[in-house]
Amino acid sequence: MSEPVVLIPGFMADARSFMPQLVAFGASRPVILLAPSQSDSVEHVATEAAAILPARFAVVGHGLGGNIAIELLRKRPEAVSRIALISTDPLPEPPQQAAREEAMIVAAKTGHMADCIAQMLPVAALHDAPWRAEIMALVQDMAATLGPDQFQRQLRMMQRRPDQQKTLRKANVPTLILTGATDTIVPRRRAEFLAGMMPQGCLEVIAEAGHQPQLEQPETVTKALETFLSGRLPTLVLG
């Protein structure tokens, strides 16, 4: 059986955000889902996870989960065989954006979680497809399940995420960057920047997908990830 793959969901998401991939990968390799932590920093989450993960594994992270994946790579470079980052911004949160988000913590704790999630992931961040409303409903349900305390912790992670450019530039490990063609949160130019700074960075743009490509185009994303995890790379290499 192939080596394990660690899946790390994004902001206020649970296993359902990777459900199509969990079903596909589970038939051929061990799958480890990194569940939300009680910590409020990317570094603390990665430190906790690094202590319990296998000696060797591949890692796939979406959004904030991608930031945790990068930190895992920094902490245990010898353990990560390959890394796939979906809709991930490697740069720190801009201070003005972090300041605007402060009001959301109070709002989430006073019964306005749905409004906060709608601000963090507006409808326009997903591709205009017939199933967009269904995906947005799932996003809201995952957030409601995790609750306002987890919202505060994960928002703090977003606000405090480190600048990982140094880690990425020396990370000589097979890397796949996946981005939705119409993602407005982490646009294509940021994905190109991320792929370009990594020695083995490869970029694949998912057509008719926005910030949740693994849910918006599950078959395409699963196929790309299966190809990558099997040791092959897409044809477009940036570097």
Protein backbone atom coordinates (compact mmCIF):
# COMPACT_ATOMS: atom_id res chain seq x y z
CA MET A 1 0.00 0.00 0.00
CA SER A 2 1.18 3.55 -0.75
CA GLU A 3 2.47 5.90 1.93
CA PRO A 4 -0.07 7.82 4.04
CA VAL A 5 -1.52 11.12 2.91
CA VAL A 6 -2.43 13.79 5.47
CA LEU A 7 -5.43 15.95 4.55
CA ILE A 8 -5.79 19.32 6.29
CA PRO A 9 -9.11 21.17 5.80
CA GLY A 10 -9.22 24.93 5.47
CA PHE A 11 -10.80 27.68 7.53
CA MET A 12 -13.80 26.43 9.59
CA ALA A 13 -14.01 23.20 7.58
CA ASP A 14 -14.14 19.56 8.59
CA ALA A 15 -13.76 16.21 6.84
CA ARG A 16 -16.66 16.99 4.52
CA SER A 17 -14.54 19.55 2.66
CA PHE A 18 -12.38 16.64 1.44
CA MET A 19 -15.10 13.99 1.23
CA PRO A 20 -14.66 13.18 -2.50
CA GLN A 21 -10.92 12.80 -1.99
CA LEU A 22 -11.29 10.79 1.24
CA VAL A 23 -13.44 8.26 -0.61
CA ALA A 24 -11.02 8.02 -3.55
CA PHE A 25 -7.76 7.88 -1.60
CA GLY A 26 -9.00 5.52 1.11
CA ALA A 27 -9.09 2.62 -1.33
CA SER A 28 -5.37 2.76 -2.09
CA ARG A 29 -3.53 4.39 0.82
CA PRO A 30 -3.85 5.27 4.52
CA VAL A 31 -5.53 8.66 4.95
CA ILE A 32 -5.03 10.86 8.01
CA LEU A 33 -7.36 13.80 8.53
CA LEU A 34 -5.86 16.55 10.65
CA ALA A 35 -8.84 17.71 12.70
CA PRO A 36 -9.24 21.24 14.11
CA SER A 37 -7.02 21.92 17.11
CA GLN A 38 -7.58 23.87 20.30
CA SER A 39 -4.57 26.02 19.40
CA ASP A 40 -4.79 29.51 17.91
CA SER A 41 -1.61 29.57 15.83
CA VAL A 42 -0.38 27.69 12.79
CA GLU A 43 2.88 26.91 14.59
CA HIS A 44 1.15 25.30 17.58
CA VAL A 45 -1.12 23.16 15.41
CA ALA A 46 1.84 21.94 13.36
CA THR A 47 3.90 21.22 16.48
CA GLU A 48 1.11 19.08 17.93
CA ALA A 49 0.61 17.23 14.64
CA ALA A 50 4.31 16.70 13.96
CA ALA A 51 4.65 14.67 17.15
CA ILE A 52 2.04 12.09 16.14
CA LEU A 53 2.34 11.80 12.36
CA PRO A 54 4.18 8.87 10.68
CA ALA A 55 7.85 8.90 9.77
CA ARG A 56 7.00 9.61 6.12
CA PHE A 57 3.85 11.03 4.54
CA ALA A 58 2.43 13.22 1.78
CA VAL A 59 0.36 16.23 2.79
CA VAL A 60 -2.52 18.06 1.13
CA GLY A 61 -3.85 21.31 2.61
CA HIS A 62 -6.60 23.70 1.60
CA GLY A 63 -6.50 27.40 2.50
CA LEU A 64 -5.53 27.73 6.16
CA GLY A 65 -4.84 24.00 6.07
CA GLY A 66 -2.22 24.74 3.43
CA ASN A 67 -0.50 27.16 5.82
CA ILE A 68 -0.42 24.39 8.44
CA ALA A 69 0.99 22.01 5.80
CA ILE A 70 3.80 24.47 5.03
CA GLU A 71 4.61 24.73 8.74
CA LEU A 72 4.69 20.91 8.97
CA LEU A 73 7.16 20.95 6.09
CA ARG A 74 9.29 23.47 7.97
CA LYS A 75 9.26 21.44 11.17
CA ARG A 76 9.68 17.98 9.65
CA PRO A 77 11.22 18.40 6.19
CA GLU A 78 12.60 14.85 6.26
CA ALA A 79 9.10 13.41 6.81
CA VAL A 80 7.17 15.18 4.02
CA SER A 81 7.56 13.26 0.75
CA ARG A 82 5.44 15.68 -1.29
CA ILE A 83 3.07 18.56 -0.65
CA ALA A 84 -0.06 19.81 -2.42
CA LEU A 85 -1.42 23.25 -1.57
CA ILE A 86 -4.96 24.21 -2.64
CA SER A 87 -6.13 27.84 -2.59
CA THR A 88 -3.31 28.71 -0.20
CA ASP A 89 -1.80 32.16 0.43
CA PRO A 90 1.80 31.86 1.70
CA LEU A 91 2.00 35.52 2.77
CA PRO A 92 0.98 36.96 6.15
CA GLU A 93 -2.45 38.52 6.69
CA PRO A 94 -2.33 42.24 5.82
CA PRO A 95 -2.68 44.29 9.05
CA GLN A 96 -5.66 46.26 7.75
CA GLN A 97 -7.52 43.05 6.94
CA ALA A 98 -6.72 41.57 10.36
CA ALA A 99 -8.08 44.73 11.99
CA ARG A 100 -11.34 44.50 10.02
CA GLU A 101 -11.79 40.91 11.16
CA GLU A 102 -11.76 41.74 14.88
CA ALA A 103 -15.45 42.64 14.89
CA MET A 104 -16.28 39.20 13.52
CA ILE A 105 -15.19 37.48 16.73
CA VAL A 106 -17.83 39.35 18.73
CA ALA A 107 -20.40 38.86 15.98
CA ALA A 108 -19.81 35.11 15.81
CA LYS A 109 -20.25 34.75 19.56
CA THR A 110 -23.50 36.71 19.54
CA GLY A 111 -25.35 34.58 17.02
CA HIS A 112 -24.09 36.00 13.73
CA MET A 113 -21.78 33.18 12.64
CA ALA A 114 -23.48 32.79 9.26
CA ASP A 115 -22.88 36.46 8.43
CA CYS A 116 -19.22 36.15 9.42
CA ILE A 117 -18.71 33.09 7.22
CA ALA A 118 -20.41 34.89 4.34
CA GLN A 119 -17.88 37.70 4.73
CA MET A 120 -14.92 35.32 4.90
CA LEU A 121 -16.17 33.31 1.91
CA PRO A 122 -18.52 35.43 -0.21
CA VAL A 123 -20.60 33.75 -2.89
CA ALA A 124 -18.49 35.43 -5.57
CA ALA A 125 -15.44 33.48 -4.38
CA LEU A 126 -16.97 30.33 -5.88
CA HIS A 127 -17.53 29.74 -9.58
CA ASP A 128 -21.02 30.63 -10.78
CA ALA A 129 -22.28 27.07 -11.22
CA PRO A 130 -25.63 25.37 -10.54
CA TRP A 131 -24.20 23.69 -7.43
CA ARG A 132 -22.74 26.85 -5.89
CA ALA A 133 -25.60 27.30 -3.40
CA GLU A 134 -25.22 23.68 -2.27
CA ILE A 135 -21.52 24.17 -1.58
CA MET A 136 -22.18 27.41 0.28
CA ALA A 137 -24.75 25.60 2.43
CA LEU A 138 -22.15 22.94 3.25
CA VAL A 139 -19.59 25.62 4.14
CA GLN A 140 -22.08 27.23 6.51
CA ASP A 141 -22.99 23.89 8.09
CA MET A 142 -19.34 22.96 8.70
CA ALA A 143 -18.76 26.34 10.37
CA ALA A 144 -21.89 26.01 12.52
CA THR A 145 -20.75 22.54 13.61
CA LEU A 146 -17.33 23.82 14.68
CA GLY A 147 -18.86 26.79 16.51
CA PRO A 148 -17.84 30.31 17.60
CA ASP A 149 -14.94 29.30 19.86
CA GLN A 150 -13.27 27.48 16.99
CA PHE A 151 -14.06 30.46 14.75
CA GLN A 152 -12.08 32.70 17.10
CA ARG A 153 -9.14 30.28 17.22
CA GLN A 154 -8.99 29.81 13.47
CA LEU A 155 -9.39 33.52 12.78
CA ARG A 156 -6.41 34.11 15.07
CA MET A 157 -4.47 31.51 13.07
CA MET A 158 -5.29 33.39 9.88
CA GLN A 159 -4.30 36.72 11.38
CA ARG A 160 -1.04 35.42 12.85
CA ARG A 161 0.07 33.10 10.07
CA PRO A 162 3.79 33.56 9.39
CA ASP A 163 5.50 34.62 6.20
CA GLN A 164 6.68 31.26 4.83
CA GLN A 165 8.62 32.48 1.79
CA LYS A 166 11.96 31.40 3.25
CA THR A 167 10.64 27.91 4.00
CA LEU A 168 9.15 27.56 0.54
CA ARG A 169 12.20 28.75 -1.37
CA LYS A 170 14.37 26.01 0.15
CA ALA A 171 11.71 23.28 0.18
CA ASN A 172 13.13 20.97 -2.49
CA VAL A 173 10.22 18.54 -2.43
CA PRO A 174 7.68 17.68 -5.16
CA THR A 175 4.98 20.34 -4.92
CA LEU A 176 1.59 20.76 -6.56
CA ILE A 177 -0.23 24.09 -6.37
CA LEU A 178 -3.93 23.86 -7.21
CA THR A 179 -5.99 26.99 -7.79
CA GLY A 180 -9.52 27.64 -8.98
CA ALA A 181 -9.58 29.73 -12.14
CA THR A 182 -12.14 32.13 -10.67
CA ASP A 183 -10.91 32.23 -7.05
CA THR A 184 -11.13 35.82 -5.79
CA ILE A 185 -9.65 35.13 -2.33
CA VAL A 186 -6.36 33.59 -3.48
CA PRO A 187 -6.28 34.63 -7.14
CA ARG A 188 -4.28 32.88 -9.82
CA ARG A 189 -1.42 35.38 -9.70
CA ARG A 190 -0.82 34.52 -6.04
CA ALA A 191 -0.86 30.80 -6.87
CA GLU A 192 1.66 31.43 -9.66
CA PHE A 193 3.85 33.33 -7.18
CA LEU A 194 3.66 30.42 -4.75
CA ALA A 195 4.52 27.80 -7.37
CA GLY A 196 7.29 29.93 -8.83
CA MET A 197 9.20 30.33 -5.57
CA MET A 198 9.38 26.59 -4.85
CA PRO A 199 12.21 24.58 -6.46
CA GLN A 200 9.83 21.81 -7.60
CA GLY A 201 6.65 23.88 -7.75
CA CYS A 202 4.02 22.87 -10.32
CA LEU A 203 0.79 24.73 -10.93
CA GLU A 204 -2.53 23.32 -12.08
CA VAL A 205 -5.45 25.69 -12.65
CA ILE A 206 -8.89 24.13 -12.16
CA ALA A 207 -11.39 25.45 -14.68
CA GLU A 208 -14.89 26.44 -13.52
CA ALA A 209 -13.81 26.50 -9.87
CA GLY A 210 -13.21 29.18 -7.28
CA HIS A 211 -11.89 28.99 -3.71
CA GLN A 212 -13.25 25.47 -3.03
CA PRO A 213 -12.03 23.54 -6.11
CA GLN A 214 -11.99 20.18 -4.30
CA LEU A 215 -15.77 20.55 -3.84
CA GLU A 216 -16.59 22.53 -6.97
CA GLN A 217 -14.75 20.20 -9.36
CA PRO A 218 -14.13 17.07 -7.25
CA GLU A 219 -13.35 14.68 -10.08
CA THR A 220 -10.78 17.00 -11.67
CA VAL A 221 -9.08 17.78 -8.35
CA THR A 222 -9.07 14.14 -7.24
CA LYS A 223 -7.51 13.07 -10.53
CA ALA A 224 -4.83 15.78 -10.28
CA LEU A 225 -4.02 14.77 -6.70
CA GLU A 226 -3.97 11.05 -7.50
CA THR A 227 -1.56 11.70 -10.37
CA PHE A 228 0.65 13.80 -8.10
CA LEU A 229 0.58 11.37 -5.18
CA SER A 230 1.52 8.50 -7.49
CA GLY A 231 4.76 10.29 -8.33
CA ARG A 232 3.87 12.05 -11.57
CA LEU A 233 3.63 15.80 -12.10
CA PRO A 234 1.48 18.02 -14.29
CA THR A 235 3.06 19.27 -17.49
CA LEU A 236 3.18 22.93 -16.45
CA VAL A 237 6.25 23.53 -14.30
CA LEU A 238 7.04 26.99 -12.98
CA GLY A 239 10.37 27.89 -11.54
